Amino acid sequence: MSQKHRRFLLCTGEAVLDHQLDEFPSSHIIGELLYVSDEGRKVTALARWENSCNTREIPPNKPDVDVYLIGDAREIKCRYSGCRNKERWEIGQAAFMQLMSHYGKLTA
């Protein structure tokens, strides 16, 4: 049986698996990449945490999330003390298709 790995977005723009965090010792985790259901369709979202944490720390199992980003987002600020990095989250293909369907541009 395969183990499910968590995926994180770092303040430096990398999206990494939990076992890769030690390869980015000077980065901070700004959120976790999750699958969420949006009107019955499974899409990838960025669950932005209220507090960013260092990649050398053990990420919390159930962090406080302030927003789930499904579409494009710019200037996502790292909330780790002293870090000035800002990142971009780009919409995934499934989320794009869901968004277009929602606005009547495509049929599901």
PDB file of N, CA and C in Angstrom:
ATOM      1  N   MET A   1       0.845  -1.177   0.000  1.00  0.00           N
ATOM      2  CA  MET A   1       0.000   0.000   0.000  1.00  0.00           C
ATOM      3  C   MET A   1       0.891   1.242   0.000  1.00  0.00           C
ATOM      4  N   SER A   2       0.625   2.193  -0.906  1.00  0.00           N
ATOM      5  CA  SER A   2       1.473   3.375  -1.006  1.00  0.00           C
ATOM      6  C   SER A   2       1.092   4.414   0.042  1.00  0.00           C
ATOM      7  N   GLN A   3       2.099   5.135   0.504  1.00  0.00           N
ATOM      8  CA  GLN A   3       1.892   6.174   1.496  1.00  0.00           C
ATOM      9  C   GLN A   3       1.562   7.473   0.762  1.00  0.00           C
ATOM     10  N   LYS A   4       0.571   8.189   1.248  1.00  0.00           N
ATOM     11  CA  LYS A   4       0.200   9.463   0.641  1.00  0.00           C
ATOM     12  C   LYS A   4       1.138  10.544   1.148  1.00  0.00           C
ATOM     13  N   HIS A   5       1.757  11.239   0.216  1.00  0.00           N
ATOM     14  CA  HIS A   5       2.668  12.330   0.578  1.00  0.00           C
ATOM     15  C   HIS A   5       1.938  13.659   0.499  1.00  0.00           C
ATOM     16  N   ARG A   6       2.257  14.546   1.417  1.00  0.00           N
ATOM     17  CA  ARG A   6       1.714  15.900   1.389  1.00  0.00           C
ATOM     18  C   ARG A   6       2.535  16.742   0.424  1.00  0.00           C
ATOM     19  N   ARG A   7       1.876  17.711  -0.222  1.00  0.00           N
ATOM     20  CA  ARG A   7       2.554  18.616  -1.151  1.00  0.00           C
ATOM     21  C   ARG A   7       2.436  20.043  -0.622  1.00  0.00           C
ATOM     22  N   PHE A   8       3.548  20.772  -0.683  1.00  0.00           N
ATOM     23  CA  PHE A   8       3.598  22.120  -0.127  1.00  0.00           C
ATOM     24  C   PHE A   8       4.065  23.125  -1.171  1.00  0.00           C
ATOM     25  N   LEU A   9       3.601  24.375  -1.032  1.00  0.00           N
ATOM     26  CA  LEU A   9       4.114  25.475  -1.834  1.00  0.00           C
ATOM     27  C   LEU A   9       5.049  26.277  -0.954  1.00  0.00           C
ATOM     28  N   LEU A  10       6.264  26.500  -1.462  1.00  0.00           N
ATOM     29  CA  LEU A  10       7.266  27.235  -0.704  1.00  0.00           C
ATOM     30  C   LEU A  10       7.294  28.697  -1.117  1.00  0.00           C
ATOM     31  N   CYS A  11       7.852  29.533  -0.265  1.00  0.00           N
ATOM     32  CA  CYS A  11       7.937  30.968  -0.529  1.00  0.00           C
ATOM     33  C   CYS A  11       8.840  31.285  -1.718  1.00  0.00           C
ATOM     34  N   THR A  12       9.625  30.328  -2.140  1.00  0.00           N
ATOM     35  CA  THR A  12      10.533  30.519  -3.278  1.00  0.00           C
ATOM     36  C   THR A  12       9.920  30.012  -4.580  1.00  0.00           C
ATOM     37  N   GLY A  13       8.679  29.540  -4.521  1.00  0.00           N
ATOM     38  CA  GLY A  13       7.961  29.141  -5.722  1.00  0.00           C
ATOM     39  C   GLY A  13       7.923  27.657  -6.007  1.00  0.00           C
ATOM     40  N   GLU A  14       8.728  26.869  -5.317  1.00  0.00           N
ATOM     41  CA  GLU A  14       8.732  25.429  -5.559  1.00  0.00           C
ATOM     42  C   GLU A  14       7.508  24.779  -4.918  1.00  0.00           C
ATOM     43  N   ALA A  15       6.977  23.784  -5.614  1.00  0.00           N
ATOM     44  CA  ALA A  15       5.946  22.917  -5.059  1.00  0.00           C
ATOM     45  C   ALA A  15       6.635  21.583  -4.811  1.00  0.00           C
ATOM     46  N   VAL A  16       6.709  21.168  -3.547  1.00  0.00           N
ATOM     47  CA  VAL A  16       7.502  19.991  -3.192  1.00  0.00           C
ATOM     48  C   VAL A  16       6.707  19.022  -2.325  1.00  0.00           C
ATOM     49  N   LEU A  17       7.135  17.762  -2.357  1.00  0.00           N
ATOM     50  CA  LEU A  17       6.563  16.739  -1.487  1.00  0.00           C
ATOM     51  C   LEU A  17       7.195  16.836  -0.104  1.00  0.00           C
ATOM     52  N   ASP A  18       6.514  16.281   0.879  1.00  0.00           N
ATOM     53  CA  ASP A  18       6.989  16.363   2.261  1.00  0.00           C
ATOM     54  C   ASP A  18       8.399  15.816   2.448  1.00  0.00           C
ATOM     55  N   HIS A  19       8.746  14.740   1.753  1.00  0.00           N
ATOM     56  CA  HIS A  19      10.073  14.156   1.941  1.00  0.00           C
ATOM     57  C   HIS A  19      11.173  14.952   1.220  1.00  0.00           C
ATOM     58  N   GLN A  20      10.817  15.994   0.472  1.00  0.00           N
ATOM     59  CA  GLN A  20      11.798  16.835  -0.211  1.00  0.00           C
ATOM     60  C   GLN A  20      12.110  18.124   0.552  1.00  0.00           C
ATOM     61  N   LEU A  21      11.432  18.373   1.648  1.00  0.00           N
ATOM     62  CA  LEU A  21      11.581  19.648   2.358  1.00  0.00           C
ATOM     63  C   LEU A  21      13.016  19.929   2.790  1.00  0.00           C
ATOM     64  N   ASP A  22      13.759  18.886   3.163  1.00  0.00           N
ATOM     65  CA  ASP A  22      15.136  19.109   3.620  1.00  0.00           C
ATOM     66  C   ASP A  22      16.051  19.591   2.502  1.00  0.00           C
ATOM     67  N   GLU A  23      15.613  19.521   1.252  1.00  0.00           N
ATOM     68  CA  GLU A  23      16.397  20.026   0.119  1.00  0.00           C
ATOM     69  C   GLU A  23      16.265  21.546  -0.028  1.00  0.00           C
ATOM     70  N   PHE A  24      15.398  22.165   0.766  1.00  0.00           N
ATOM     71  CA  PHE A  24      15.140  23.598   0.687  1.00  0.00           C
ATOM     72  C   PHE A  24      15.239  24.236   2.074  1.00  0.00           C
ATOM     73  N   PRO A  25      16.422  24.165   2.698  1.00  0.00           N
ATOM     74  CA  PRO A  25      16.558  24.592   4.093  1.00  0.00           C
ATOM     75  C   PRO A  25      16.346  26.083   4.339  1.00  0.00           C
ATOM     76  N   SER A  26      16.476  26.915   3.322  1.00  0.00           N
ATOM     77  CA  SER A  26      16.296  28.352   3.535  1.00  0.00           C
ATOM     78  C   SER A  26      14.920  28.839   3.077  1.00  0.00           C
ATOM     79  N   SER A  27      14.014  27.921   2.757  1.00  0.00           N
ATOM     80  CA  SER A  27      12.666  28.279   2.309  1.00  0.00           C
ATOM     81  C   SER A  27      11.666  28.132   3.445  1.00  0.00           C
ATOM     82  N   HIS A  28      10.464  28.609   3.179  1.00  0.00           N
ATOM     83  CA  HIS A  28       9.376  28.527   4.145  1.00  0.00           C
ATOM     84  C   HIS A  28       8.140  27.982   3.441  1.00  0.00           C
ATOM     85  N   ILE A  29       7.328  27.249   4.165  1.00  0.00           N
ATOM     86  CA  ILE A  29       6.091  26.691   3.629  1.00  0.00           C
ATOM     87  C   ILE A  29       4.994  27.728   3.809  1.00  0.00           C
ATOM     88  N   ILE A  30       4.369  28.135   2.695  1.00  0.00           N
ATOM     89  CA  ILE A  30       3.278  29.108   2.808  1.00  0.00           C
ATOM     90  C   ILE A  30       1.902  28.447   2.734  1.00  0.00           C
ATOM     91  N   GLY A  31       1.879  27.188   2.284  1.00  0.00           N
ATOM     92  CA  GLY A  31       0.604  26.493   2.219  1.00  0.00           C
ATOM     93  C   GLY A  31       0.761  25.092   1.682  1.00  0.00           C
ATOM     94  N   GLU A  32      -0.356  24.416   1.630  1.00  0.00           N
ATOM     95  CA  GLU A  32      -0.374  23.024   1.194  1.00  0.00           C
ATOM     96  C   GLU A  32      -1.264  22.884  -0.031  1.00  0.00           C
ATOM     97  N   LEU A  33      -0.840  22.035  -0.957  1.00  0.00           N
ATOM     98  CA  LEU A  33      -1.623  21.767  -2.154  1.00  0.00           C
ATOM     99  C   LEU A  33      -2.538  20.585  -1.875  1.00  0.00           C
ATOM    100  N   LEU A  34      -3.828  20.805  -2.051  1.00  0.00           N
ATOM    101  CA  LEU A  34      -4.843  19.813  -1.727  1.00  0.00           C
ATOM    102  C   LEU A  34      -5.829  19.666  -2.873  1.00  0.00           C
ATOM    103  N   TYR A  35      -6.518  18.543  -2.886  1.00  0.00           N
ATOM    104  CA  TYR A  35      -7.646  18.389  -3.793  1.00  0.00           C
ATOM    105  C   TYR A  35      -8.904  18.766  -3.023  1.00  0.00           C
ATOM    106  N   VAL A  36      -9.718  19.617  -3.628  1.00  0.00           N
ATOM    107  CA  VAL A  36     -10.992  19.995  -3.038  1.00  0.00           C
ATOM    108  C   VAL A  36     -12.086  19.765  -4.072  1.00  0.00           C
ATOM    109  N   SER A  37     -13.297  19.657  -3.604  1.00  0.00           N
ATOM    110  CA  SER A  37     -14.428  19.488  -4.503  1.00  0.00           C
ATOM    111  C   SER A  37     -15.047  20.854  -4.766  1.00  0.00           C
ATOM    112  N   ASP A  38     -15.189  21.198  -6.032  1.00  0.00           N
ATOM    113  CA  ASP A  38     -15.814  22.450  -6.429  1.00  0.00           C
ATOM    114  C   ASP A  38     -16.950  22.109  -7.381  1.00  0.00           C
ATOM    115  N   GLU A  39     -18.168  22.236  -6.876  1.00  0.00           N
ATOM    116  CA  GLU A  39     -19.364  21.907  -7.643  1.00  0.00           C
ATOM    117  C   GLU A  39     -19.284  20.501  -8.234  1.00  0.00           C
ATOM    118  N   GLY A  40     -18.795  19.561  -7.418  1.00  0.00           N
ATOM    119  CA  GLY A  40     -18.753  18.164  -7.818  1.00  0.00           C
ATOM    120  C   GLY A  40     -17.518  17.741  -8.592  1.00  0.00           C
ATOM    121  N   ARG A  41     -16.625  18.655  -8.896  1.00  0.00           N
ATOM    122  CA  ARG A  41     -15.407  18.320  -9.632  1.00  0.00           C
ATOM    123  C   ARG A  41     -14.198  18.460  -8.710  1.00  0.00           C
ATOM    124  N   LYS A  42     -13.302  17.509  -8.780  1.00  0.00           N
ATOM    125  CA  LYS A  42     -12.089  17.511  -7.951  1.00  0.00           C
ATOM    126  C   LYS A  42     -11.038  18.413  -8.609  1.00  0.00           C
ATOM    127  N   VAL A  43     -10.609  19.452  -7.881  1.00  0.00           N
ATOM    128  CA  VAL A  43      -9.619  20.398  -8.402  1.00  0.00           C
ATOM    129  C   VAL A  43      -8.514  20.612  -7.363  1.00  0.00           C
ATOM    130  N   THR A  44      -7.359  21.050  -7.819  1.00  0.00           N
ATOM    131  CA  THR A  44      -6.251  21.356  -6.925  1.00  0.00           C
ATOM    132  C   THR A  44      -6.408  22.774  -6.390  1.00  0.00           C
ATOM    133  N   ALA A  45      -6.193  22.930  -5.096  1.00  0.00           N
ATOM    134  CA  ALA A  45      -6.259  24.236  -4.459  1.00  0.00           C
ATOM    135  C   ALA A  45      -5.027  24.437  -3.593  1.00  0.00           C
ATOM    136  N   LEU A  46      -4.663  25.692  -3.405  1.00  0.00           N
ATOM    137  CA  LEU A  46      -3.622  26.042  -2.452  1.00  0.00           C
ATOM    138  C   LEU A  46      -4.313  26.450  -1.166  1.00  0.00           C
ATOM    139  N   ALA A  47      -4.095  25.686  -0.106  1.00  0.00           N
ATOM    140  CA  ALA A  47      -4.602  26.044   1.217  1.00  0.00           C
ATOM    141  C   ALA A  47      -3.523  26.904   1.865  1.00  0.00           C
ATOM    142  N   ARG A  48      -3.712  28.239   1.810  1.00  0.00           N
ATOM    143  CA  ARG A  48      -2.707  29.137   2.380  1.00  0.00           C
ATOM    144  C   ARG A  48      -2.864  29.168   3.892  1.00  0.00           C
ATOM    145  N   TRP A  49      -1.754  28.916   4.560  1.00  0.00           N
ATOM    146  CA  TRP A  49      -1.762  28.863   6.018  1.00  0.00           C
ATOM    147  C   TRP A  49      -1.726  30.264   6.604  1.00  0.00           C
ATOM    148  N   GLU A  50      -2.318  30.408   7.783  1.00  0.00           N
ATOM    149  CA  GLU A  50      -2.261  31.689   8.484  1.00  0.00           C
ATOM    150  C   GLU A  50      -0.837  32.023   8.890  1.00  0.00           C
ATOM    151  N   ASN A  51      -0.025  30.996   9.167  1.00  0.00           N
ATOM    152  CA  ASN A  51       1.376  31.204   9.551  1.00  0.00           C
ATOM    153  C   ASN A  51       2.276  30.327   8.702  1.00  0.00           C
ATOM    154  N   SER A  52       3.238  30.945   8.024  1.00  0.00           N
ATOM    155  CA  SER A  52       4.231  30.179   7.271  1.00  0.00           C
ATOM    156  C   SER A  52       5.183  29.529   8.261  1.00  0.00           C
ATOM    157  N   CYS A  53       5.765  28.396   7.875  1.00  0.00           N
ATOM    158  CA  CYS A  53       6.733  27.750   8.761  1.00  0.00           C
ATOM    159  C   CYS A  53       7.990  27.390   7.974  1.00  0.00           C
ATOM    160  N   ASN A  54       9.069  27.242   8.680  1.00  0.00           N
ATOM    161  CA  ASN A  54      10.355  26.894   8.108  1.00  0.00           C
ATOM    162  C   ASN A  54      10.313  25.452   7.611  1.00  0.00           C
ATOM    163  N   THR A  55      10.998  25.169   6.520  1.00  0.00           N
ATOM    164  CA  THR A  55      11.020  23.807   5.979  1.00  0.00           C
ATOM    165  C   THR A  55      11.776  22.842   6.886  1.00  0.00           C
ATOM    166  N   ARG A  56      12.558  23.360   7.836  1.00  0.00           N
ATOM    167  CA  ARG A  56      13.285  22.493   8.766  1.00  0.00           C
ATOM    168  C   ARG A  56      12.418  22.072   9.942  1.00  0.00           C
ATOM    169  N   GLU A  57      11.219  22.671  10.068  1.00  0.00           N
ATOM    170  CA  GLU A  57      10.280  22.299  11.119  1.00  0.00           C
ATOM    171  C   GLU A  57       9.367  21.192  10.592  1.00  0.00           C
ATOM    172  N   ILE A  58       8.782  20.440  11.486  1.00  0.00           N
ATOM    173  CA  ILE A  58       7.788  19.443  11.077  1.00  0.00           C
ATOM    174  C   ILE A  58       6.489  20.197  10.798  1.00  0.00           C
ATOM    175  N   PRO A  59       5.988  20.119   9.560  1.00  0.00           N
ATOM    176  CA  PRO A  59       4.755  20.853   9.241  1.00  0.00           C
ATOM    177  C   PRO A  59       3.584  20.348  10.082  1.00  0.00           C
ATOM    178  N   PRO A  60       2.722  21.261  10.522  1.00  0.00           N
ATOM    179  CA  PRO A  60       1.573  20.846  11.326  1.00  0.00           C
ATOM    180  C   PRO A  60       0.622  19.964  10.527  1.00  0.00           C
ATOM    181  N   ASN A  61      -0.021  19.010  11.199  1.00  0.00           N
ATOM    182  CA  ASN A  61      -0.980  18.131  10.531  1.00  0.00           C
ATOM    183  C   ASN A  61      -2.248  18.866  10.113  1.00  0.00           C
ATOM    184  N   LYS A  62      -2.730  19.736  10.969  1.00  0.00           N
ATOM    185  CA  LYS A  62      -3.950  20.487  10.669  1.00  0.00           C
ATOM    186  C   LYS A  62      -3.699  21.970  10.931  1.00  0.00           C
ATOM    187  N   PRO A  63      -2.966  22.627  10.028  1.00  0.00           N
ATOM    188  CA  PRO A  63      -2.660  24.043  10.238  1.00  0.00           C
ATOM    189  C   PRO A  63      -3.906  24.910  10.050  1.00  0.00           C
ATOM    190  N   ASP A  64      -3.871  26.097  10.626  1.00  0.00           N
ATOM    191  CA  ASP A  64      -4.948  27.051  10.407  1.00  0.00           C
ATOM    192  C   ASP A  64      -4.822  27.584   8.982  1.00  0.00           C
ATOM    193  N   VAL A  65      -5.892  27.465   8.211  1.00  0.00           N
ATOM    194  CA  VAL A  65      -5.918  27.908   6.817  1.00  0.00           C
ATOM    195  C   VAL A  65      -6.781  29.152   6.740  1.00  0.00           C
ATOM    196  N   ASP A  66      -6.274  30.211   6.081  1.00  0.00           N
ATOM    197  CA  ASP A  66      -7.098  31.408   5.972  1.00  0.00           C
ATOM    198  C   ASP A  66      -7.840  31.490   4.644  1.00  0.00           C
ATOM    199  N   VAL A  67      -7.358  30.756   3.617  1.00  0.00           N
ATOM    200  CA  VAL A  67      -8.046  30.797   2.330  1.00  0.00           C
ATOM    201  C   VAL A  67      -7.637  29.596   1.483  1.00  0.00           C
ATOM    202  N   TYR A  68      -8.566  29.108   0.683  1.00  0.00           N
ATOM    203  CA  TYR A  68      -8.290  28.061  -0.299  1.00  0.00           C
ATOM    204  C   TYR A  68      -8.316  28.731  -1.671  1.00  0.00           C
ATOM    205  N   LEU A  69      -7.172  28.770  -2.340  1.00  0.00           N
ATOM    206  CA  LEU A  69      -7.057  29.428  -3.639  1.00  0.00           C
ATOM    207  C   LEU A  69      -7.187  28.398  -4.744  1.00  0.00           C
ATOM    208  N   ILE A  70      -8.197  28.544  -5.569  1.00  0.00           N
ATOM    209  CA  ILE A  70      -8.400  27.635  -6.692  1.00  0.00           C
ATOM    210  C   ILE A  70      -7.922  28.291  -7.978  1.00  0.00           C
ATOM    211  N   GLY A  71      -8.146  29.561  -8.140  1.00  0.00           N
ATOM    212  CA  GLY A  71      -7.715  30.279  -9.341  1.00  0.00           C
ATOM    213  C   GLY A  71      -6.343  30.893  -9.182  1.00  0.00           C
ATOM    214  N   ASP A  72      -5.923  31.622 -10.211  1.00  0.00           N
ATOM    215  CA  ASP A  72      -4.631  32.305 -10.174  1.00  0.00           C
ATOM    216  C   ASP A  72      -4.602  33.328  -9.036  1.00  0.00           C
ATOM    217  N   ALA A  73      -3.453  33.457  -8.410  1.00  0.00           N
ATOM    218  CA  ALA A  73      -3.253  34.462  -7.360  1.00  0.00           C
ATOM    219  C   ALA A  73      -1.828  34.983  -7.470  1.00  0.00           C
ATOM    220  N   ARG A  74      -1.667  36.262  -7.276  1.00  0.00           N
ATOM    221  CA  ARG A  74      -0.348  36.903  -7.350  1.00  0.00           C
ATOM    222  C   ARG A  74       0.010  37.495  -5.991  1.00  0.00           C
ATOM    223  N   GLU A  75       1.295  37.717  -5.794  1.00  0.00           N
ATOM    224  CA  GLU A  75       1.789  38.419  -4.609  1.00  0.00           C
ATOM    225  C   GLU A  75       1.374  37.750  -3.294  1.00  0.00           C
ATOM    226  N   ILE A  76       1.448  36.422  -3.247  1.00  0.00           N
ATOM    227  CA  ILE A  76       1.155  35.704  -2.003  1.00  0.00           C
ATOM    228  C   ILE A  76       2.379  35.865  -1.106  1.00  0.00           C
ATOM    229  N   LYS A  77       2.239  36.630  -0.056  1.00  0.00           N
ATOM    230  CA  LYS A  77       3.369  36.949   0.809  1.00  0.00           C
ATOM    231  C   LYS A  77       3.660  35.820   1.786  1.00  0.00           C
ATOM    232  N   CYS A  78       4.940  35.547   1.952  1.00  0.00           N
ATOM    233  CA  CYS A  78       5.370  34.611   2.980  1.00  0.00           C
ATOM    234  C   CYS A  78       5.172  35.288   4.331  1.00  0.00           C
ATOM    235  N   ARG A  79       4.648  34.552   5.283  1.00  0.00           N
ATOM    236  CA  ARG A  79       4.362  35.124   6.596  1.00  0.00           C
ATOM    237  C   ARG A  79       5.401  34.733   7.650  1.00  0.00           C
ATOM    238  N   TYR A  80       6.513  34.154   7.181  1.00  0.00           N
ATOM    239  CA  TYR A  80       7.577  33.807   8.119  1.00  0.00           C
ATOM    240  C   TYR A  80       8.321  35.092   8.472  1.00  0.00           C
ATOM    241  N   SER A  81       8.585  35.299   9.743  1.00  0.00           N
ATOM    242  CA  SER A  81       9.215  36.523  10.221  1.00  0.00           C
ATOM    243  C   SER A  81      10.509  36.831   9.459  1.00  0.00           C
ATOM    244  N   GLY A  82      10.569  38.016   8.872  1.00  0.00           N
ATOM    245  CA  GLY A  82      11.768  38.469   8.167  1.00  0.00           C
ATOM    246  C   GLY A  82      11.828  38.099   6.693  1.00  0.00           C
ATOM    247  N   CYS A  83      10.951  37.228   6.220  1.00  0.00           N
ATOM    248  CA  CYS A  83      10.966  36.822   4.811  1.00  0.00           C
ATOM    249  C   CYS A  83      10.146  37.811   3.992  1.00  0.00           C
ATOM    250  N   ARG A  84      10.700  38.202   2.853  1.00  0.00           N
ATOM    251  CA  ARG A  84      10.014  39.169   1.988  1.00  0.00           C
ATOM    252  C   ARG A  84       9.575  38.549   0.666  1.00  0.00           C
ATOM    253  N   ASN A  85       9.681  37.235   0.550  1.00  0.00           N
ATOM    254  CA  ASN A  85       9.306  36.581  -0.702  1.00  0.00           C
ATOM    255  C   ASN A  85       7.810  36.683  -0.955  1.00  0.00           C
ATOM    256  N   LYS A  86       7.478  36.810  -2.237  1.00  0.00           N
ATOM    257  CA  LYS A  86       6.083  36.819  -2.693  1.00  0.00           C
ATOM    258  C   LYS A  86       6.010  35.834  -3.845  1.00  0.00           C
ATOM    259  N   GLU A  87       4.972  35.049  -3.872  1.00  0.00           N
ATOM    260  CA  GLU A  87       4.859  34.019  -4.904  1.00  0.00           C
ATOM    261  C   GLU A  87       3.569  34.116  -5.674  1.00  0.00           C
ATOM    262  N   ARG A  88       3.505  33.294  -6.704  1.00  0.00           N
ATOM    263  CA  ARG A  88       2.351  33.230  -7.593  1.00  0.00           C
ATOM    264  C   ARG A  88       1.818  31.810  -7.586  1.00  0.00           C
ATOM    265  N   TRP A  89       0.510  31.681  -7.531  1.00  0.00           N
ATOM    266  CA  TRP A  89      -0.151  30.380  -7.627  1.00  0.00           C
ATOM    267  C   TRP A  89      -0.944  30.400  -8.910  1.00  0.00           C
ATOM    268  N   GLU A  90      -0.706  29.404  -9.767  1.00  0.00           N
ATOM    269  CA  GLU A  90      -1.404  29.347 -11.044  1.00  0.00           C
ATOM    270  C   GLU A  90      -2.445  28.244 -11.035  1.00  0.00           C
ATOM    271  N   ILE A  91      -3.544  28.527 -11.647  1.00  0.00           N
ATOM    272  CA  ILE A  91      -4.675  27.612 -11.698  1.00  0.00           C
ATOM    273  C   ILE A  91      -4.287  26.310 -12.392  1.00  0.00           C
ATOM    274  N   GLY A  92      -4.804  25.195 -11.903  1.00  0.00           N
ATOM    275  CA  GLY A  92      -4.595  23.903 -12.544  1.00  0.00           C
ATOM    276  C   GLY A  92      -5.613  23.693 -13.658  1.00  0.00           C
ATOM    277  N   GLN A  93      -5.358  22.724 -14.518  1.00  0.00           N
ATOM    278  CA  GLN A  93      -6.228  22.466 -15.667  1.00  0.00           C
ATOM    279  C   GLN A  93      -7.648  22.098 -15.242  1.00  0.00           C
ATOM    280  N   ALA A  94      -7.801  21.241 -14.246  1.00  0.00           N
ATOM    281  CA  ALA A  94      -9.144  20.849 -13.803  1.00  0.00           C
ATOM    282  C   ALA A  94      -9.898  22.059 -13.253  1.00  0.00           C
ATOM    283  N   ALA A  95      -9.211  22.912 -12.512  1.00  0.00           N
ATOM    284  CA  ALA A  95      -9.856  24.110 -11.972  1.00  0.00           C
ATOM    285  C   ALA A  95     -10.238  25.069 -13.093  1.00  0.00           C
ATOM    286  N   PHE A  96      -9.392  25.179 -14.107  1.00  0.00           N
ATOM    287  CA  PHE A  96      -9.700  26.028 -15.251  1.00  0.00           C
ATOM    288  C   PHE A  96     -10.966  25.546 -15.950  1.00  0.00           C
ATOM    289  N   MET A  97     -11.052  24.251 -16.178  1.00  0.00           N
ATOM    290  CA  MET A  97     -12.225  23.685 -16.836  1.00  0.00           C
ATOM    291  C   MET A  97     -13.479  23.911 -15.993  1.00  0.00           C
ATOM    292  N   GLN A  98     -13.353  23.755 -14.678  1.00  0.00           N
ATOM    293  CA  GLN A  98     -14.485  23.984 -13.784  1.00  0.00           C
ATOM    294  C   GLN A  98     -14.908  25.451 -13.821  1.00  0.00           C
ATOM    295  N   LEU A  99     -13.961  26.354 -13.821  1.00  0.00           N
ATOM    296  CA  LEU A  99     -14.249  27.781 -13.865  1.00  0.00           C
ATOM    297  C   LEU A  99     -14.972  28.153 -15.158  1.00  0.00           C
ATOM    298  N   MET A 100     -14.479  27.641 -16.271  1.00  0.00           N
ATOM    299  CA  MET A 100     -15.109  27.926 -17.560  1.00  0.00           C
ATOM    300  C   MET A 100     -16.520  27.347 -17.613  1.00  0.00           C
ATOM    301  N   SER A 101     -16.698  26.168 -17.053  1.00  0.00           N
ATOM    302  CA  SER A 101     -18.013  25.545 -17.012  1.00  0.00           C
ATOM    303  C   SER A 101     -18.964  26.381 -16.155  1.00  0.00           C
ATOM    304  N   HIS A 102     -18.448  26.879 -15.037  1.00  0.00           N
ATOM    305  CA  HIS A 102     -19.245  27.694 -14.119  1.00  0.00           C
ATOM    306  C   HIS A 102     -19.768  28.953 -14.815  1.00  0.00           C
ATOM    307  N   TYR A 103     -18.939  29.544 -15.661  1.00  0.00           N
ATOM    308  CA  TYR A 103     -19.328  30.758 -16.356  1.00  0.00           C
ATOM    309  C   TYR A 103     -19.995  30.493 -17.694  1.00  0.00           C
ATOM    310  N   GLY A 104     -20.301  29.218 -17.981  1.00  0.00           N
ATOM    311  CA  GLY A 104     -21.035  28.873 -19.185  1.00  0.00           C
ATOM    312  C   GLY A 104     -20.225  28.874 -20.462  1.00  0.00           C
ATOM    313  N   LYS A 105     -18.903  28.918 -20.357  1.00  0.00           N
ATOM    314  CA  LYS A 105     -18.054  28.937 -21.541  1.00  0.00           C
ATOM    315  C   LYS A 105     -17.852  27.531 -22.108  1.00  0.00           C
ATOM    316  N   LEU A 106     -17.951  26.514 -21.248  1.00  0.00           N
ATOM    317  CA  LEU A 106     -17.803  25.121 -21.657  1.00  0.00           C
ATOM    318  C   LEU A 106     -18.935  24.322 -21.041  1.00  0.00           C
ATOM    319  N   THR A 107     -19.227  23.214 -21.638  1.00  0.00           N
ATOM    320  CA  THR A 107     -20.188  22.310 -21.014  1.00  0.00           C
ATOM    321  C   THR A 107     -19.432  21.181 -20.353  1.00  0.00           C
ATOM    322  N   ALA A 108     -19.850  20.800 -19.160  1.00  0.00           N
ATOM    323  CA  ALA A 108     -19.138  19.757 -18.400  1.00  0.00           C
ATOM    324  C   ALA A 108     -19.433  18.404 -18.948  1.00  0.00           C
TER     325      ALA A 108
END
